[in-house]
Each structure stands twice: as structure tokens, then as C-alpha cells.
Amino acid sequence: MTAGPAPEGAPTENARYAFRYELPGAFVHVRDPIRLDGWQEAAVELLPGADEAERTAYARQMLRTLPTLLVAEETLVDVAVCLGVEDGDDGYRLSQGLLAVCARPSRHGDRLLAAEGIYRAKEQTFFSGERDLTEIDLPRAKGRQGSKDTLLAVHLPCGPGVMSASVRAVTRAGIAASMQDGDAPPAGSPAMVPETVSLAALQLIIPAPRDYVVYVTISTPCVDLLTEYTERLSAIGRTFSFDDPDDPDEGDGRDEAAGAAAQRSARAVTGGGH
């Protein structure tokens, strides 16, 4: 794991990110998610049996999809994809999810107060004007559920956090939006007709001990697998830990142990800011 400075123009200067986590085995890590060849490399594992043209088309689509999960002041730390077929109680279902881990500089002091502020802001966004909310009261999670959104204040082993799940209807322009300009179909073709689909967005927000906040986001069109993806996001949160980026003696031993754990399980990914 490495630590790095905050993006230029961020509200906290020289914030350094030092944290670790593990991803569930269903996810395939994308080594270089801001480059087309990084997605092509991941597509070899994600799309076994696909030819080069199919992997390239998929890589282009994912490269264009990723920015929709990010905001300007975030540092992208890690990207992974879940793509395959899952065996559920009602048969086999396609599973597809895009995960992004980001860090965002912050001037917060107390972590609990920071988490509470994030919770209240999202509560206002989700439930403003909505009535008949369901109260959720669990041993390590408390919150509210509305018609389209669920919001929880959670207690993780690493500290307080905020978890949410939302389902929205979004419009997309078919395959044209995922192609390079020269490959787009002509205007008026069926591929250019806007399509409305349901999209689930799950997010876990964890304030660090100081200087920054971590955002783990999963976006999936498989709304029927919302429970499964919620469980995966919860599992990621339980593996989170924060290091002191100013302690030169703290990282080496832990990084070595994390590397060994990753070698024991090829899909156990350890992440940090860069």
C-alpha cells in the first residue's frame, strides 16, 4: 500500500491516504482503470472465450462508464468488476457490478461527528418530502428506508461509517454511448434510441482518523441482486483499517503481511491511496 498527496486544489493540502481492505472473491481487480489496455487485460478474465474485438468493445464501455462514479476532487484508488452468473434460490442470474474506491480530502476532526454530518446530508437528499419511512434498528446499523433509498449509520471495526443503497431509473443511448466516436451507429438507428433501465448504486463512506474520507461505490444494473451486493459491500467495510501515514515504521510489516494474504488468495486485493 502506498500513500499519496491530495489532488490539486483539494480543500485539505497534502492529505495522505493510508488504508487497506480486501475485496470479495467475486470481484476482478482492474490494474490500470484509466487506460484502455488495463480494461482489456481485465476482460481476459472477465470474458473467457471472448475474442479480441469483443474484449475491446467491453473495455471501451467500462472506460466510459467509470467517470460517472467519480467527482472532481476525488483520488481514484482502486477499481474492480464483478461479472458472471450467480446461482440463486430462483435460478441462475447474470451478475454485473462496477466497484470504485476513492479518497476525498476533508477537514473533519471527530470521526463520529463527520459520519453524522454525512448521514444528515444524505438523509436530506434521499428523503426530503417523503413520508412513511421505515426505521431500521440493528445491533451495528441504524437508519431509515424509503421507497427508493436505504440509509444506514454503521459501526465498523475501523470506526463509524455511512452506508446507502439506491435504485433509480436512468436513460442511456444504447450501445452508442459506449463506443468511440468513429464507431457510433448512424443517427436514427435502433442503437441510438434512448433506453430506460434500472440501476442500483450502493455506497459505503468511512471517515479516516483525519484529513480524508474513503468512498466505496458499487454500481449495478442487477437490481434483483441488491441484497447480494449489499452483503459484499458490508464485507469490504469489515476489512477496512487505517494506518498512520506519518509513521515510517508502521507500513512495512503490514504491507508485507497484506502481500502474503493477497498471494494466498488471488482475488484478495489490498488497496491504498496513490
Protein backbone atom coordinates (compact mmCIF):
# COMPACT_ATOMS: atom_id res chain seq x y z
CA MET A 1 0.00 0.00 0.00
CA THR A 2 1.25 3.50 -0.79
CA ALA A 3 0.28 6.95 0.39
CA GLY A 4 -0.07 9.97 -1.84
CA PRO A 5 -0.90 13.68 -1.85
CA ALA A 6 -4.41 15.01 -2.34
CA PRO A 7 -5.49 16.15 -5.82
CA GLU A 8 -4.50 19.68 -6.79
CA GLY A 9 -6.94 22.25 -5.44
CA ALA A 10 -8.42 19.93 -2.80
CA PRO A 11 -9.65 21.55 0.45
CA THR A 12 -7.03 19.84 2.62
CA GLU A 13 -3.49 20.34 1.37
CA ASN A 14 -1.08 17.38 1.31
CA ALA A 15 -3.59 14.92 2.71
CA ARG A 16 -2.07 11.44 2.65
CA TYR A 17 -4.13 8.30 2.23
CA ALA A 18 -3.11 5.19 4.15
CA PHE A 19 -5.68 2.43 4.46
CA ARG A 20 -6.22 -1.19 3.49
CA TYR A 21 -9.12 -3.53 2.72
CA GLU A 22 -9.96 -6.77 0.93
CA LEU A 23 -12.37 -7.39 -1.92
CA PRO A 24 -14.66 -10.44 -2.08
CA GLY A 25 -13.60 -13.15 -4.50
CA ALA A 26 -16.42 -12.30 -6.93
CA PHE A 27 -14.54 -9.14 -7.99
CA VAL A 28 -11.75 -8.96 -10.57
CA HIS A 29 -9.25 -6.15 -9.96
CA VAL A 30 -8.58 -3.74 -12.86
CA ARG A 31 -4.86 -2.98 -12.71
CA ASP A 32 -4.91 0.31 -14.65
CA PRO A 33 -8.53 1.53 -14.90
CA ILE A 34 -7.76 4.85 -16.62
CA ARG A 35 -6.25 3.12 -19.66
CA LEU A 36 -7.98 1.07 -22.34
CA ASP A 37 -5.38 -1.70 -22.18
CA GLY A 38 -5.99 -2.02 -18.43
CA TRP A 39 -9.62 -2.92 -19.11
CA GLN A 40 -8.63 -5.19 -21.99
CA GLU A 41 -6.33 -7.05 -19.63
CA ALA A 42 -9.13 -7.48 -17.08
CA ALA A 43 -11.53 -8.58 -19.83
CA VAL A 44 -9.40 -11.67 -20.46
CA GLU A 45 -10.51 -12.97 -17.05
CA LEU A 46 -13.96 -11.38 -17.07
CA LEU A 47 -14.94 -12.62 -20.54
CA PRO A 48 -13.43 -16.08 -21.04
CA GLY A 49 -13.92 -17.23 -24.59
CA ALA A 50 -14.48 -13.72 -26.00
CA ASP A 51 -12.40 -12.64 -28.99
CA GLU A 52 -10.22 -9.54 -29.09
CA ALA A 53 -12.88 -7.35 -30.71
CA GLU A 54 -15.42 -8.27 -28.01
CA ARG A 55 -12.92 -7.57 -25.22
CA THR A 56 -12.04 -4.21 -26.78
CA ALA A 57 -15.72 -3.22 -27.07
CA TYR A 58 -16.24 -4.15 -23.41
CA ALA A 59 -13.12 -2.22 -22.38
CA ARG A 60 -14.34 0.91 -24.16
CA GLN A 61 -17.73 0.66 -22.49
CA MET A 62 -16.27 0.33 -18.99
CA LEU A 63 -13.71 3.09 -19.55
CA ARG A 64 -16.56 5.46 -20.39
CA THR A 65 -18.78 4.25 -17.55
CA LEU A 66 -16.22 4.77 -14.76
CA PRO A 67 -16.29 8.62 -14.68
CA THR A 68 -19.99 8.56 -13.74
CA LEU A 69 -18.96 7.21 -10.31
CA LEU A 70 -16.41 9.92 -9.58
CA VAL A 71 -16.33 13.60 -8.63
CA ALA A 72 -13.61 16.11 -9.42
CA GLU A 73 -11.90 16.26 -6.03
CA GLU A 74 -11.60 12.51 -5.56
CA THR A 75 -8.47 10.41 -5.94
CA LEU A 76 -9.25 7.08 -7.59
CA VAL A 77 -7.65 4.31 -5.54
CA ASP A 78 -9.00 1.05 -6.91
CA VAL A 79 -11.43 -0.36 -9.47
CA ALA A 80 -12.83 -3.88 -9.68
CA VAL A 81 -15.60 -5.63 -11.60
CA CYS A 82 -17.98 -8.47 -10.83
CA LEU A 83 -19.22 -10.18 -13.99
CA GLY A 84 -20.69 -13.65 -14.26
CA VAL A 85 -23.63 -15.88 -13.41
CA GLU A 86 -24.86 -16.49 -9.87
CA ASP A 87 -26.89 -19.43 -8.62
CA GLY A 88 -29.77 -18.07 -6.54
CA ASP A 89 -32.88 -19.58 -4.97
CA ASP A 90 -34.87 -18.80 -8.11
CA GLY A 91 -32.27 -19.99 -10.63
CA TYR A 92 -29.22 -18.60 -12.39
CA ARG A 93 -28.94 -14.84 -12.81
CA LEU A 94 -26.46 -12.53 -14.52
CA SER A 95 -24.31 -10.61 -12.05
CA GLN A 96 -22.59 -7.41 -13.14
CA GLY A 97 -21.19 -4.71 -10.86
CA LEU A 98 -18.59 -1.94 -11.08
CA LEU A 99 -16.75 -1.07 -7.88
CA ALA A 100 -14.69 2.06 -7.32
CA VAL A 101 -12.72 3.03 -4.20
CA CYS A 102 -11.89 6.72 -3.88
CA ALA A 103 -10.44 9.05 -1.26
CA ARG A 104 -11.56 12.63 -0.79
CA PRO A 105 -9.72 15.22 1.34
CA SER A 106 -11.60 16.52 4.38
CA ARG A 107 -11.05 18.94 7.25
CA HIS A 108 -13.08 16.88 9.72
CA GLY A 109 -11.99 16.45 13.31
CA ASP A 110 -14.01 13.90 15.24
CA ARG A 111 -14.84 10.89 13.05
CA LEU A 112 -18.23 10.26 14.63
CA LEU A 113 -19.31 13.85 14.05
CA ALA A 114 -18.06 13.65 10.47
CA ALA A 115 -20.07 10.48 9.85
CA GLU A 116 -23.15 12.06 11.41
CA GLY A 117 -22.82 15.08 9.15
CA ILE A 118 -22.56 12.87 6.08
CA TYR A 119 -25.59 10.88 7.24
CA ARG A 120 -27.71 14.01 7.73
CA ALA A 121 -26.74 15.41 4.32
CA LYS A 122 -27.67 12.17 2.55
CA GLU A 123 -30.85 11.88 4.61
CA GLN A 124 -31.96 15.29 3.36
CA THR A 125 -31.14 14.33 -0.24
CA PHE A 126 -32.87 10.95 -0.11
CA PHE A 127 -35.97 11.58 1.98
CA SER A 128 -36.89 15.24 1.61
CA GLY A 129 -40.67 15.35 1.26
CA GLU A 130 -41.06 11.57 1.58
CA ARG A 131 -43.34 10.11 4.23
CA ASP A 132 -43.93 6.66 5.67
CA LEU A 133 -40.26 5.84 6.14
CA THR A 134 -39.29 2.52 7.70
CA GLU A 135 -36.97 2.75 10.69
CA ILE A 136 -34.08 0.28 10.78
CA ASP A 137 -32.58 -0.66 14.13
CA LEU A 138 -29.88 -3.34 14.08
CA PRO A 139 -27.03 -4.00 16.55
CA ARG A 140 -24.41 -2.29 14.34
CA ALA A 141 -26.59 -0.31 11.94
CA LYS A 142 -29.42 2.16 12.37
CA GLY A 143 -31.18 4.17 9.73
CA ARG A 144 -34.20 4.63 7.50
CA GLN A 145 -35.67 3.14 4.35
CA GLY A 146 -37.84 4.91 1.81
CA SER A 147 -39.41 3.96 -1.50
CA LYS A 148 -36.12 4.05 -3.43
CA ASP A 149 -33.36 4.54 -0.86
CA THR A 150 -31.94 2.91 2.24
CA LEU A 151 -29.61 4.86 4.53
CA LEU A 152 -27.70 3.44 7.49
CA ALA A 153 -25.31 4.75 10.11
CA VAL A 154 -22.99 1.78 10.61
CA HIS A 155 -20.36 0.84 13.17
CA LEU A 156 -17.42 -0.94 11.52
CA PRO A 157 -14.36 -2.48 13.18
CA CYS A 158 -12.36 0.51 11.89
CA GLY A 159 -14.89 3.10 13.12
CA PRO A 160 -18.14 4.86 12.14
CA GLY A 161 -19.43 4.97 8.59
CA VAL A 162 -22.47 5.65 6.42
CA MET A 163 -23.93 3.08 4.05
CA SER A 164 -26.61 3.65 1.43
CA ALA A 165 -28.40 1.80 -1.36
CA SER A 166 -30.49 3.49 -4.05
CA VAL A 167 -32.42 2.29 -7.09
CA ARG A 168 -33.05 4.72 -9.91
CA ALA A 169 -34.38 4.63 -13.47
CA VAL A 170 -31.74 6.05 -15.80
CA THR A 171 -31.74 6.74 -19.53
CA ARG A 172 -28.91 5.70 -21.81
CA ALA A 173 -28.42 5.87 -25.56
CA GLY A 174 -27.83 2.17 -26.05
CA ILE A 175 -24.51 0.90 -27.29
CA ALA A 176 -23.62 4.23 -28.91
CA ALA A 177 -22.64 5.73 -25.56
CA SER A 178 -20.00 3.03 -25.04
CA MET A 179 -18.31 3.30 -28.44
CA GLN A 180 -15.57 5.52 -29.77
CA ASP A 181 -16.83 8.39 -31.93
CA GLY A 182 -15.79 6.74 -35.19
CA ASP A 183 -17.70 3.56 -34.32
CA ALA A 184 -21.02 5.15 -33.37
CA PRO A 185 -24.04 3.97 -35.41
CA PRO A 186 -25.80 6.49 -37.63
CA ALA A 187 -28.46 8.79 -36.20
CA GLY A 188 -31.92 7.24 -36.29
CA SER A 189 -30.70 3.67 -35.94
CA PRO A 190 -32.17 1.49 -33.15
CA ALA A 191 -28.89 1.74 -31.21
CA MET A 192 -29.38 5.50 -30.86
CA VAL A 193 -32.84 5.25 -29.27
CA PRO A 194 -32.65 6.18 -25.56
CA GLU A 195 -33.28 3.23 -23.27
CA THR A 196 -34.56 3.42 -19.69
CA VAL A 197 -33.06 0.91 -17.27
CA SER A 198 -32.99 0.44 -13.52
CA LEU A 199 -29.64 0.99 -11.82
CA ALA A 200 -28.69 0.27 -8.21
CA ALA A 201 -26.00 2.37 -6.54
CA LEU A 202 -24.52 1.22 -3.24
CA GLN A 203 -22.05 3.30 -1.28
CA LEU A 204 -20.05 3.00 1.91
CA ILE A 205 -18.47 6.20 3.27
CA ILE A 206 -15.83 5.95 6.01
CA PRO A 207 -14.15 9.00 7.57
CA ALA A 208 -10.45 8.37 8.21
CA PRO A 209 -8.96 9.32 11.59
CA ARG A 210 -8.05 12.65 9.98
CA ASP A 211 -7.60 14.53 6.69
CA TYR A 212 -9.74 12.44 4.31
CA VAL A 213 -12.82 10.28 3.74
CA VAL A 214 -12.99 6.98 1.83
CA TYR A 215 -15.84 6.25 -0.60
CA VAL A 216 -16.57 2.70 -1.76
CA THR A 217 -19.19 2.65 -4.53
CA ILE A 218 -20.79 -0.27 -6.36
CA SER A 219 -22.99 0.39 -9.37
CA THR A 220 -25.03 -2.46 -10.84
CA PRO A 221 -27.96 -2.89 -13.24
CA CYS A 222 -28.80 -6.16 -11.44
CA VAL A 223 -31.29 -4.69 -9.00
CA ASP A 224 -32.59 -8.18 -8.25
CA LEU A 225 -29.17 -8.88 -6.69
CA LEU A 226 -29.27 -5.82 -4.44
CA THR A 227 -29.12 -7.96 -1.28
CA GLU A 228 -26.07 -9.87 -2.53
CA TYR A 229 -24.21 -6.69 -3.46
CA THR A 230 -25.13 -5.09 -0.15
CA GLU A 231 -23.60 -8.05 1.65
CA ARG A 232 -20.43 -7.72 -0.44
CA LEU A 233 -20.16 -4.03 0.35
CA SER A 234 -20.63 -4.78 4.05
CA ALA A 235 -17.92 -7.43 3.85
CA ILE A 236 -15.49 -4.90 2.35
CA GLY A 237 -16.27 -2.46 5.17
CA ARG A 238 -15.46 -5.07 7.81
CA THR A 239 -11.94 -5.50 6.39
CA PHE A 240 -11.06 -1.78 6.41
CA SER A 241 -8.23 -0.48 8.56
CA PHE A 242 -6.37 2.81 8.65
CA ASP A 243 -2.64 3.39 9.09
CA ASP A 244 -0.80 6.50 10.23
CA PRO A 245 0.76 7.94 7.03
CA ASP A 246 3.26 9.92 9.12
CA ASP A 247 4.65 6.85 10.91
CA PRO A 248 7.52 5.46 8.78
CA ASP A 249 7.68 2.26 10.85
CA GLU A 250 4.01 1.31 10.59
CA GLY A 251 3.59 0.45 6.92
CA ASP A 252 6.39 -2.03 6.09
CA GLY A 253 5.39 -5.04 8.17
CA ARG A 254 1.69 -4.66 7.46
CA ASP A 255 2.27 -4.28 3.73
CA GLU A 256 4.33 -7.48 3.72
CA ALA A 257 1.56 -9.35 5.53
CA ALA A 258 -1.05 -7.91 3.16
CA GLY A 259 1.02 -9.03 0.18
CA ALA A 260 1.23 -12.55 1.59
CA ALA A 261 -2.54 -12.62 2.10
CA ALA A 262 -3.08 -11.47 -1.48
CA GLN A 263 -0.81 -14.26 -2.74
CA ARG A 264 -2.77 -16.86 -0.76
CA SER A 265 -5.98 -15.70 -2.45
CA ALA A 266 -5.54 -14.32 -5.95
CA ARG A 267 -8.68 -12.19 -5.62
CA ALA A 268 -8.00 -10.71 -2.21
CA VAL A 269 -6.94 -7.18 -3.10
CA THR A 270 -5.27 -4.76 -0.73
CA GLY A 271 -5.72 -1.08 -1.62
CA GLY A 272 -4.26 2.25 -0.70
CA GLY A 273 -4.14 5.80 -2.00
CA HIS A 274 -1.77 6.82 -4.71
